[in-house]
Amino acid sequence: MGTCEVLRIGHRPERDKRITTHVALTARAFGACKIFLSKPDSRIIDTVGKVTEKFGGDFIIETTTNPKAIVKNWVGTTIHLTMFGLPIDDNLEDIKKCKGPLLFVVGAEKVPPWVFEHSDFNIAIGSQPHSEVSALAIALSKINDVSYSQNFEGQLQVVPSGERRKMKNRSEVDY
């Protein structure tokens, strides 16, 4: 499997600012290297940039005014996450065999018909309404089962603990 990138289509600034931020954070945490935002929002870019700066990784946010061109010109496999798609488990082996980069298309509002038409896979994570954040996390983890356990080599690191919240700064000696 190649690299993964995400295209977020739609973003209603007042309604979707937290959801779009969470789509971007999920993309980063589950192994995508980039997200395209079809509607620029400096708050999202700042928030995700600060997380990447603190926790590490090479995650990129790029804004676009032409999401259709990104999908149409994608050299790799396009996977549209939609509750109207085919079950992911029925298509997982075919997706894992794909060569080249994967582009996950995640909508905010009703996506235009061209997304269905130009995607290689229209995939459902269940057939009930739910969050696009959860759909992206499940899809990325099913396709790459170590996606969420990578080390980003950031300045801050979460220290696993069953009792309390604990983080360490990499500059601390006993890290």
N, C-alpha and C. Protein backbone atom coordinates (compact mmCIF):
# COMPACT_ATOMS: atom_id res chain seq x y z
N MET A 1 0.84 -1.18 0.00
CA MET A 1 0.00 0.00 0.00
C MET A 1 0.88 1.24 0.00
N GLY A 2 0.51 2.22 -0.81
CA GLY A 2 1.26 3.46 -0.90
C GLY A 2 0.89 4.43 0.21
N THR A 3 1.29 5.67 0.02
CA THR A 3 0.95 6.71 0.99
C THR A 3 -0.54 7.01 0.93
N CYS A 4 -1.03 7.61 1.98
CA CYS A 4 -2.44 7.98 2.07
C CYS A 4 -2.56 9.49 2.21
N GLU A 5 -3.51 10.04 1.46
CA GLU A 5 -3.86 11.45 1.59
C GLU A 5 -5.37 11.53 1.68
N VAL A 6 -5.86 12.67 2.15
CA VAL A 6 -7.29 12.85 2.38
C VAL A 6 -7.73 14.14 1.70
N LEU A 7 -8.90 14.09 1.09
CA LEU A 7 -9.54 15.28 0.52
C LEU A 7 -10.83 15.51 1.29
N ARG A 8 -10.92 16.64 1.95
CA ARG A 8 -12.13 17.03 2.66
C ARG A 8 -12.93 17.94 1.74
N ILE A 9 -14.10 17.46 1.31
CA ILE A 9 -14.96 18.24 0.43
C ILE A 9 -16.05 18.89 1.27
N GLY A 10 -16.12 20.19 1.19
CA GLY A 10 -17.13 20.92 1.94
C GLY A 10 -16.64 21.26 3.32
N HIS A 11 -17.10 22.38 3.81
CA HIS A 11 -16.76 22.81 5.16
C HIS A 11 -17.58 24.05 5.42
N ARG A 12 -18.52 23.92 6.32
CA ARG A 12 -19.33 25.06 6.71
C ARG A 12 -18.64 25.66 7.94
N PRO A 13 -18.00 26.82 7.80
CA PRO A 13 -17.11 27.33 8.84
C PRO A 13 -17.66 27.32 10.26
N GLU A 14 -18.87 27.73 10.48
CA GLU A 14 -19.37 27.75 11.85
C GLU A 14 -19.84 26.36 12.32
N ARG A 15 -20.40 25.59 11.42
CA ARG A 15 -20.92 24.29 11.82
C ARG A 15 -19.85 23.20 11.85
N ASP A 16 -18.90 23.24 10.90
CA ASP A 16 -17.98 22.13 10.71
C ASP A 16 -16.55 22.37 11.19
N LYS A 17 -16.27 23.50 11.83
CA LYS A 17 -14.87 23.79 12.16
C LYS A 17 -14.26 22.70 13.05
N ARG A 18 -14.99 22.22 14.03
CA ARG A 18 -14.42 21.17 14.90
C ARG A 18 -14.35 19.83 14.17
N ILE A 19 -15.37 19.52 13.38
CA ILE A 19 -15.36 18.24 12.67
C ILE A 19 -14.23 18.22 11.64
N THR A 20 -14.08 19.27 10.88
CA THR A 20 -13.00 19.30 9.89
C THR A 20 -11.64 19.24 10.58
N THR A 21 -11.50 19.92 11.71
CA THR A 21 -10.26 19.82 12.49
C THR A 21 -10.03 18.37 12.90
N HIS A 22 -11.08 17.70 13.36
CA HIS A 22 -10.94 16.31 13.79
C HIS A 22 -10.67 15.36 12.63
N VAL A 23 -11.22 15.66 11.45
CA VAL A 23 -10.89 14.87 10.25
C VAL A 23 -9.39 15.00 9.98
N ALA A 24 -8.88 16.21 10.04
CA ALA A 24 -7.45 16.44 9.79
C ALA A 24 -6.58 15.77 10.85
N LEU A 25 -6.94 15.90 12.12
CA LEU A 25 -6.17 15.27 13.19
C LEU A 25 -6.20 13.74 13.08
N THR A 26 -7.35 13.20 12.72
CA THR A 26 -7.48 11.75 12.54
C THR A 26 -6.63 11.29 11.36
N ALA A 27 -6.68 12.04 10.27
CA ALA A 27 -5.86 11.70 9.10
C ALA A 27 -4.39 11.64 9.51
N ARG A 28 -3.93 12.64 10.24
CA ARG A 28 -2.54 12.70 10.69
C ARG A 28 -2.22 11.54 11.62
N ALA A 29 -3.04 11.33 12.63
CA ALA A 29 -2.76 10.31 13.65
C ALA A 29 -2.82 8.89 13.10
N PHE A 30 -3.63 8.67 12.05
CA PHE A 30 -3.80 7.33 11.49
C PHE A 30 -2.98 7.10 10.23
N GLY A 31 -2.00 7.95 9.99
CA GLY A 31 -1.02 7.64 8.97
C GLY A 31 -1.09 8.36 7.64
N ALA A 32 -2.08 9.23 7.44
CA ALA A 32 -2.09 10.01 6.20
C ALA A 32 -0.98 11.07 6.29
N CYS A 33 -0.44 11.45 5.15
CA CYS A 33 0.63 12.44 5.16
C CYS A 33 0.15 13.84 4.76
N LYS A 34 -1.12 13.91 4.27
CA LYS A 34 -1.60 15.19 3.76
C LYS A 34 -3.12 15.22 3.75
N ILE A 35 -3.66 16.42 3.91
CA ILE A 35 -5.09 16.63 3.71
C ILE A 35 -5.27 17.86 2.83
N PHE A 36 -6.19 17.74 1.89
CA PHE A 36 -6.60 18.86 1.06
C PHE A 36 -7.92 19.37 1.63
N LEU A 37 -8.03 20.66 1.86
CA LEU A 37 -9.27 21.27 2.33
C LEU A 37 -9.88 22.05 1.18
N SER A 38 -11.12 21.73 0.85
CA SER A 38 -11.75 22.43 -0.27
C SER A 38 -12.23 23.82 0.12
N LYS A 39 -12.31 24.08 1.39
CA LYS A 39 -12.68 25.43 1.84
C LYS A 39 -11.66 25.84 2.90
N PRO A 40 -10.81 26.79 2.59
CA PRO A 40 -9.76 27.18 3.55
C PRO A 40 -10.33 27.73 4.84
N ASP A 41 -9.69 27.38 5.94
CA ASP A 41 -10.06 27.89 7.25
C ASP A 41 -8.78 27.98 8.07
N SER A 42 -8.33 29.19 8.32
CA SER A 42 -7.04 29.39 8.99
C SER A 42 -7.02 28.79 10.40
N ARG A 43 -8.18 28.71 11.06
CA ARG A 43 -8.22 28.13 12.41
C ARG A 43 -7.82 26.66 12.38
N ILE A 44 -8.28 25.95 11.37
CA ILE A 44 -7.95 24.53 11.25
C ILE A 44 -6.47 24.37 10.93
N ILE A 45 -5.98 25.16 10.00
CA ILE A 45 -4.58 25.09 9.62
C ILE A 45 -3.69 25.38 10.82
N ASP A 46 -4.03 26.39 11.61
CA ASP A 46 -3.26 26.74 12.81
C ASP A 46 -3.30 25.62 13.85
N THR A 47 -4.49 25.11 14.15
CA THR A 47 -4.65 24.08 15.17
C THR A 47 -3.87 22.82 14.82
N VAL A 48 -4.04 22.33 13.61
CA VAL A 48 -3.37 21.10 13.20
C VAL A 48 -1.87 21.33 13.06
N GLY A 49 -1.48 22.51 12.62
CA GLY A 49 -0.06 22.84 12.55
C GLY A 49 0.61 22.81 13.91
N LYS A 50 -0.08 23.32 14.93
CA LYS A 50 0.48 23.32 16.29
C LYS A 50 0.60 21.89 16.83
N VAL A 51 -0.39 21.06 16.55
CA VAL A 51 -0.32 19.66 16.99
C VAL A 51 0.86 18.96 16.33
N THR A 52 1.01 19.16 15.04
CA THR A 52 2.12 18.54 14.30
C THR A 52 3.46 19.04 14.83
N GLU A 53 3.53 20.32 15.12
CA GLU A 53 4.77 20.89 15.66
C GLU A 53 5.12 20.27 17.01
N LYS A 54 4.13 20.09 17.89
CA LYS A 54 4.37 19.55 19.22
C LYS A 54 4.59 18.04 19.22
N PHE A 55 3.75 17.31 18.48
CA PHE A 55 3.74 15.86 18.56
C PHE A 55 4.50 15.18 17.42
N GLY A 56 4.97 15.96 16.45
CA GLY A 56 5.83 15.42 15.40
C GLY A 56 5.09 14.99 14.15
N GLY A 57 5.86 14.48 13.22
CA GLY A 57 5.33 14.04 11.95
C GLY A 57 5.50 15.10 10.88
N ASP A 58 5.19 14.71 9.66
CA ASP A 58 5.35 15.60 8.51
C ASP A 58 4.02 15.83 7.82
N PHE A 59 2.98 16.10 8.56
CA PHE A 59 1.65 16.25 8.01
C PHE A 59 1.50 17.60 7.33
N ILE A 60 0.89 17.59 6.14
CA ILE A 60 0.73 18.80 5.35
C ILE A 60 -0.77 19.08 5.15
N ILE A 61 -1.14 20.36 5.25
CA ILE A 61 -2.49 20.80 4.91
C ILE A 61 -2.37 21.70 3.69
N GLU A 62 -3.15 21.37 2.67
CA GLU A 62 -3.16 22.18 1.46
C GLU A 62 -4.59 22.55 1.14
N THR A 63 -4.83 23.80 0.83
CA THR A 63 -6.17 24.21 0.44
C THR A 63 -6.30 24.14 -1.07
N THR A 64 -7.53 23.92 -1.51
CA THR A 64 -7.79 23.84 -2.95
C THR A 64 -9.12 24.49 -3.26
N THR A 65 -9.20 25.10 -4.39
CA THR A 65 -10.47 25.65 -4.86
C THR A 65 -11.10 24.73 -5.90
N ASN A 66 -10.39 23.65 -6.24
CA ASN A 66 -10.88 22.75 -7.27
C ASN A 66 -10.71 21.28 -6.84
N PRO A 67 -11.55 20.83 -5.90
CA PRO A 67 -11.42 19.44 -5.44
C PRO A 67 -11.67 18.42 -6.55
N LYS A 68 -12.49 18.77 -7.51
CA LYS A 68 -12.77 17.85 -8.62
C LYS A 68 -11.49 17.55 -9.40
N ALA A 69 -10.65 18.55 -9.61
CA ALA A 69 -9.40 18.34 -10.33
C ALA A 69 -8.47 17.41 -9.56
N ILE A 70 -8.47 17.52 -8.24
CA ILE A 70 -7.63 16.62 -7.44
C ILE A 70 -8.07 15.17 -7.66
N VAL A 71 -9.37 14.92 -7.60
CA VAL A 71 -9.88 13.56 -7.79
C VAL A 71 -9.63 13.09 -9.22
N LYS A 72 -9.97 13.90 -10.20
CA LYS A 72 -9.83 13.50 -11.61
C LYS A 72 -8.38 13.25 -12.00
N ASN A 73 -7.46 14.01 -11.42
CA ASN A 73 -6.05 13.90 -11.79
C ASN A 73 -5.23 13.03 -10.84
N TRP A 74 -5.89 12.38 -9.89
CA TRP A 74 -5.16 11.58 -8.91
C TRP A 74 -4.49 10.39 -9.59
N VAL A 75 -3.22 10.23 -9.33
CA VAL A 75 -2.47 9.09 -9.86
C VAL A 75 -2.35 8.10 -8.70
N GLY A 76 -3.26 7.18 -8.66
CA GLY A 76 -3.36 6.22 -7.57
C GLY A 76 -4.81 5.79 -7.47
N THR A 77 -5.23 5.44 -6.29
CA THR A 77 -6.58 4.93 -6.06
C THR A 77 -7.36 5.91 -5.21
N THR A 78 -8.59 6.19 -5.63
CA THR A 78 -9.47 7.10 -4.90
C THR A 78 -10.55 6.30 -4.19
N ILE A 79 -10.67 6.56 -2.89
CA ILE A 79 -11.66 5.86 -2.06
C ILE A 79 -12.57 6.91 -1.44
N HIS A 80 -13.81 6.91 -1.86
CA HIS A 80 -14.81 7.83 -1.33
C HIS A 80 -15.50 7.13 -0.16
N LEU A 81 -15.44 7.74 1.02
CA LEU A 81 -16.10 7.18 2.19
C LEU A 81 -17.52 7.74 2.26
N THR A 82 -18.50 6.85 2.12
CA THR A 82 -19.90 7.25 2.10
C THR A 82 -20.75 6.14 2.69
N MET A 83 -21.78 6.49 3.43
CA MET A 83 -22.65 5.44 3.98
C MET A 83 -23.46 4.75 2.89
N PHE A 84 -23.44 5.30 1.68
CA PHE A 84 -24.17 4.70 0.56
C PHE A 84 -23.30 3.75 -0.26
N GLY A 85 -22.05 3.56 0.16
CA GLY A 85 -21.12 2.73 -0.59
C GLY A 85 -21.23 1.25 -0.25
N LEU A 86 -20.30 0.51 -0.80
CA LEU A 86 -20.21 -0.93 -0.55
C LEU A 86 -19.46 -1.16 0.75
N PRO A 87 -19.79 -2.22 1.48
CA PRO A 87 -19.13 -2.49 2.76
C PRO A 87 -17.61 -2.61 2.61
N ILE A 88 -16.89 -1.95 3.49
CA ILE A 88 -15.43 -1.97 3.40
C ILE A 88 -14.88 -3.39 3.49
N ASP A 89 -15.46 -4.21 4.34
CA ASP A 89 -14.94 -5.56 4.52
C ASP A 89 -15.04 -6.39 3.24
N ASP A 90 -16.02 -6.11 2.41
CA ASP A 90 -16.17 -6.83 1.14
C ASP A 90 -15.15 -6.37 0.09
N ASN A 91 -14.50 -5.25 0.30
CA ASN A 91 -13.57 -4.68 -0.67
C ASN A 91 -12.16 -4.49 -0.13
N LEU A 92 -11.95 -4.88 1.10
CA LEU A 92 -10.68 -4.62 1.77
C LEU A 92 -9.49 -5.24 1.07
N GLU A 93 -9.60 -6.48 0.64
CA GLU A 93 -8.47 -7.13 -0.02
C GLU A 93 -8.12 -6.45 -1.33
N ASP A 94 -9.13 -6.04 -2.10
CA ASP A 94 -8.86 -5.32 -3.36
C ASP A 94 -8.19 -3.97 -3.10
N ILE A 95 -8.64 -3.28 -2.05
CA ILE A 95 -8.03 -1.98 -1.72
C ILE A 95 -6.58 -2.18 -1.28
N LYS A 96 -6.32 -3.21 -0.48
CA LYS A 96 -4.96 -3.44 0.00
C LYS A 96 -4.00 -3.81 -1.13
N LYS A 97 -4.51 -4.33 -2.22
CA LYS A 97 -3.67 -4.69 -3.37
C LYS A 97 -3.32 -3.50 -4.25
N CYS A 98 -3.99 -2.38 -4.05
CA CYS A 98 -3.76 -1.21 -4.89
C CYS A 98 -2.33 -0.70 -4.73
N LYS A 99 -1.74 -0.36 -5.85
CA LYS A 99 -0.39 0.22 -5.87
C LYS A 99 -0.52 1.73 -5.95
N GLY A 100 0.47 2.40 -5.44
CA GLY A 100 0.46 3.86 -5.51
C GLY A 100 -0.31 4.47 -4.36
N PRO A 101 -0.38 5.78 -4.35
CA PRO A 101 -1.01 6.49 -3.24
C PRO A 101 -2.53 6.32 -3.23
N LEU A 102 -3.08 6.35 -2.02
CA LEU A 102 -4.53 6.30 -1.82
C LEU A 102 -5.02 7.70 -1.47
N LEU A 103 -6.14 8.07 -2.07
CA LEU A 103 -6.80 9.33 -1.73
C LEU A 103 -8.16 8.99 -1.14
N PHE A 104 -8.36 9.36 0.11
CA PHE A 104 -9.66 9.17 0.76
C PHE A 104 -10.44 10.47 0.64
N VAL A 105 -11.64 10.38 0.09
CA VAL A 105 -12.50 11.55 -0.06
C VAL A 105 -13.53 11.51 1.06
N VAL A 106 -13.58 12.58 1.84
CA VAL A 106 -14.48 12.67 2.99
C VAL A 106 -15.34 13.92 2.82
N GLY A 107 -16.64 13.75 2.76
CA GLY A 107 -17.54 14.88 2.59
C GLY A 107 -17.97 15.49 3.90
N ALA A 108 -18.46 16.71 3.83
CA ALA A 108 -19.03 17.40 4.98
C ALA A 108 -20.52 17.53 4.80
N GLU A 109 -20.90 17.93 3.63
CA GLU A 109 -22.30 18.08 3.28
C GLU A 109 -22.57 17.09 2.15
N LYS A 110 -23.70 17.16 1.55
CA LYS A 110 -24.00 16.25 0.45
C LYS A 110 -22.94 16.42 -0.64
N VAL A 111 -22.28 15.32 -0.98
CA VAL A 111 -21.22 15.42 -1.98
C VAL A 111 -21.82 15.41 -3.38
N PRO A 112 -21.17 16.09 -4.31
CA PRO A 112 -21.67 16.11 -5.69
C PRO A 112 -21.53 14.74 -6.35
N PRO A 113 -22.36 14.47 -7.36
CA PRO A 113 -22.33 13.16 -8.04
C PRO A 113 -20.96 12.79 -8.63
N TRP A 114 -20.17 13.77 -9.05
CA TRP A 114 -18.88 13.46 -9.64
C TRP A 114 -17.95 12.71 -8.69
N VAL A 115 -18.15 12.88 -7.38
CA VAL A 115 -17.31 12.15 -6.42
C VAL A 115 -17.54 10.65 -6.57
N PHE A 116 -18.81 10.25 -6.66
CA PHE A 116 -19.14 8.83 -6.86
C PHE A 116 -18.60 8.34 -8.21
N GLU A 117 -18.76 9.16 -9.22
CA GLU A 117 -18.39 8.77 -10.59
C GLU A 117 -16.88 8.61 -10.77
N HIS A 118 -16.08 9.46 -10.15
CA HIS A 118 -14.64 9.45 -10.37
C HIS A 118 -13.86 8.67 -9.31
N SER A 119 -14.52 8.12 -8.31
CA SER A 119 -13.83 7.33 -7.30
C SER A 119 -13.68 5.89 -7.76
N ASP A 120 -12.55 5.30 -7.41
CA ASP A 120 -12.34 3.88 -7.73
C ASP A 120 -13.18 2.99 -6.82
N PHE A 121 -13.37 3.43 -5.58
CA PHE A 121 -14.19 2.71 -4.61
C PHE A 121 -15.11 3.70 -3.91
N ASN A 122 -16.37 3.36 -3.78
CA ASN A 122 -17.31 4.09 -2.92
C ASN A 122 -17.59 3.14 -1.77
N ILE A 123 -17.01 3.46 -0.62
CA ILE A 123 -16.94 2.53 0.50
C ILE A 123 -17.76 3.03 1.69
N ALA A 124 -18.48 2.09 2.29
CA ALA A 124 -19.25 2.40 3.50
C ALA A 124 -18.60 1.75 4.71
N ILE A 125 -18.58 2.50 5.78
CA ILE A 125 -18.21 1.98 7.09
C ILE A 125 -19.54 1.87 7.84
N GLY A 126 -20.23 0.77 7.60
CA GLY A 126 -21.59 0.65 8.10
C GLY A 126 -22.53 1.41 7.17
N SER A 127 -23.80 1.17 7.33
CA SER A 127 -24.79 1.82 6.47
C SER A 127 -25.77 2.66 7.29
N GLN A 128 -25.23 3.28 8.32
CA GLN A 128 -26.02 4.16 9.17
C GLN A 128 -25.33 5.51 9.25
N PRO A 129 -26.09 6.57 9.46
CA PRO A 129 -25.45 7.88 9.62
C PRO A 129 -24.51 7.89 10.82
N HIS A 130 -23.32 8.38 10.61
CA HIS A 130 -22.36 8.57 11.71
C HIS A 130 -21.30 9.55 11.26
N SER A 131 -20.34 9.78 12.07
CA SER A 131 -19.33 10.80 11.84
C SER A 131 -18.33 10.40 10.76
N GLU A 132 -17.99 11.37 9.92
CA GLU A 132 -16.94 11.15 8.93
C GLU A 132 -15.58 10.95 9.60
N VAL A 133 -15.44 11.45 10.83
CA VAL A 133 -14.21 11.24 11.58
C VAL A 133 -14.05 9.75 11.89
N SER A 134 -15.11 9.13 12.36
CA SER A 134 -15.03 7.70 12.68
C SER A 134 -14.84 6.87 11.42
N ALA A 135 -15.50 7.25 10.34
CA ALA A 135 -15.35 6.51 9.08
C ALA A 135 -13.89 6.54 8.62
N LEU A 136 -13.26 7.70 8.69
CA LEU A 136 -11.87 7.81 8.26
C LEU A 136 -10.96 6.99 9.16
N ALA A 137 -11.16 7.07 10.46
CA ALA A 137 -10.31 6.32 11.39
C ALA A 137 -10.44 4.81 11.15
N ILE A 138 -11.65 4.34 11.00
CA ILE A 138 -11.86 2.90 10.78
C ILE A 138 -11.24 2.48 9.44
N ALA A 139 -11.47 3.25 8.40
CA ALA A 139 -10.93 2.90 7.09
C ALA A 139 -9.41 2.86 7.11
N LEU A 140 -8.78 3.88 7.67
CA LEU A 140 -7.32 3.91 7.71
C LEU A 140 -6.76 2.77 8.55
N SER A 141 -7.42 2.44 9.66
CA SER A 141 -6.89 1.36 10.50
C SER A 141 -7.13 -0.02 9.88
N LYS A 142 -8.20 -0.20 9.13
CA LYS A 142 -8.43 -1.49 8.47
C LYS A 142 -7.45 -1.70 7.32
N ILE A 143 -7.11 -0.64 6.63
CA ILE A 143 -6.22 -0.75 5.48
C ILE A 143 -4.77 -0.90 5.92
N ASN A 144 -4.41 -0.26 7.02
CA ASN A 144 -3.05 -0.35 7.55
C ASN A 144 -3.16 -0.58 9.05
N ASP A 145 -3.05 -1.84 9.47
CA ASP A 145 -3.33 -2.17 10.86
C ASP A 145 -2.34 -1.61 11.88
N VAL A 146 -1.26 -1.00 11.45
CA VAL A 146 -0.36 -0.33 12.39
C VAL A 146 -0.45 1.19 12.26
N SER A 147 -1.47 1.65 11.56
CA SER A 147 -1.59 3.08 11.27
C SER A 147 -1.63 3.94 12.53
N TYR A 148 -2.27 3.49 13.57
CA TYR A 148 -2.44 4.33 14.76
C TYR A 148 -1.38 4.09 15.82
N SER A 149 -0.43 3.22 15.58
CA SER A 149 0.58 2.94 16.60
C SER A 149 1.97 3.44 16.20
N GLN A 150 2.03 4.35 15.24
CA GLN A 150 3.33 4.85 14.82
C GLN A 150 3.86 5.89 15.79
N ASN A 151 5.16 6.05 15.77
CA ASN A 151 5.82 7.06 16.59
C ASN A 151 6.17 8.22 15.68
N PHE A 152 5.72 9.40 16.01
CA PHE A 152 5.94 10.58 15.18
C PHE A 152 7.20 11.35 15.57
N GLU A 153 7.91 10.87 16.59
CA GLU A 153 9.16 11.50 16.99
C GLU A 153 9.00 12.98 17.33
N GLY A 154 7.89 13.30 17.96
CA GLY A 154 7.64 14.69 18.32
C GLY A 154 8.31 15.10 19.62
N GLN A 155 8.29 16.40 19.86
CA GLN A 155 8.84 16.93 21.10
C GLN A 155 8.05 16.41 22.30
N LEU A 156 6.74 16.31 22.14
CA LEU A 156 5.90 15.75 23.20
C LEU A 156 5.51 14.33 22.83
N GLN A 157 5.47 13.47 23.81
CA GLN A 157 5.07 12.09 23.61
C GLN A 157 4.11 11.70 24.74
N VAL A 158 3.05 11.02 24.37
CA VAL A 158 2.13 10.49 25.36
C VAL A 158 2.77 9.23 25.95
N VAL A 159 2.76 9.13 27.25
CA VAL A 159 3.28 7.95 27.93
C VAL A 159 2.07 7.11 28.34
N PRO A 160 1.95 5.89 27.82
CA PRO A 160 0.80 5.06 28.17
C PRO A 160 0.70 4.84 29.68
N SER A 161 -0.49 5.00 30.20
CA SER A 161 -0.72 4.84 31.63
C SER A 161 -2.16 4.44 31.87
N GLY A 162 -2.35 3.47 32.69
CA GLY A 162 -3.71 3.06 33.05
C GLY A 162 -4.27 3.86 34.21
N GLU A 163 -3.47 4.74 34.80
CA GLU A 163 -3.91 5.47 35.99
C GLU A 163 -4.11 6.97 35.81
N ARG A 164 -3.34 7.57 34.88
CA ARG A 164 -3.44 9.03 34.78
C ARG A 164 -2.93 9.51 33.43
N ARG A 165 -3.17 10.79 33.19
CA ARG A 165 -2.66 11.44 31.99
C ARG A 165 -1.18 11.71 32.20
N LYS A 166 -0.36 11.29 31.23
CA LYS A 166 1.07 11.49 31.38
C LYS A 166 1.70 11.75 30.02
N MET A 167 2.50 12.81 29.94
CA MET A 167 3.26 13.13 28.74
C MET A 167 4.67 13.46 29.15
N LYS A 168 5.58 13.24 28.21
CA LYS A 168 6.98 13.60 28.45
C LYS A 168 7.48 14.44 27.30
N ASN A 169 8.35 15.34 27.66
CA ASN A 169 9.06 16.13 26.68
C ASN A 169 10.30 15.34 26.29
N ARG A 170 10.57 15.21 25.01
CA ARG A 170 11.72 14.40 24.55
C ARG A 170 13.04 14.88 25.14
N SER A 171 13.12 16.11 25.55
CA SER A 171 14.38 16.63 26.10
C SER A 171 14.62 16.14 27.53
N GLU A 172 13.60 15.52 28.16
CA GLU A 172 13.79 14.99 29.51
C GLU A 172 14.68 13.77 29.45
N VAL A 173 15.57 13.66 30.41
CA VAL A 173 16.60 12.61 30.42
C VAL A 173 16.00 11.21 30.48
N ASP A 174 14.99 10.99 31.27
CA ASP A 174 14.48 9.63 31.47
C ASP A 174 13.42 9.24 30.46
N TYR A 175 13.42 9.88 29.33
CA TYR A 175 12.45 9.58 28.28
C TYR A 175 12.64 8.20 27.78
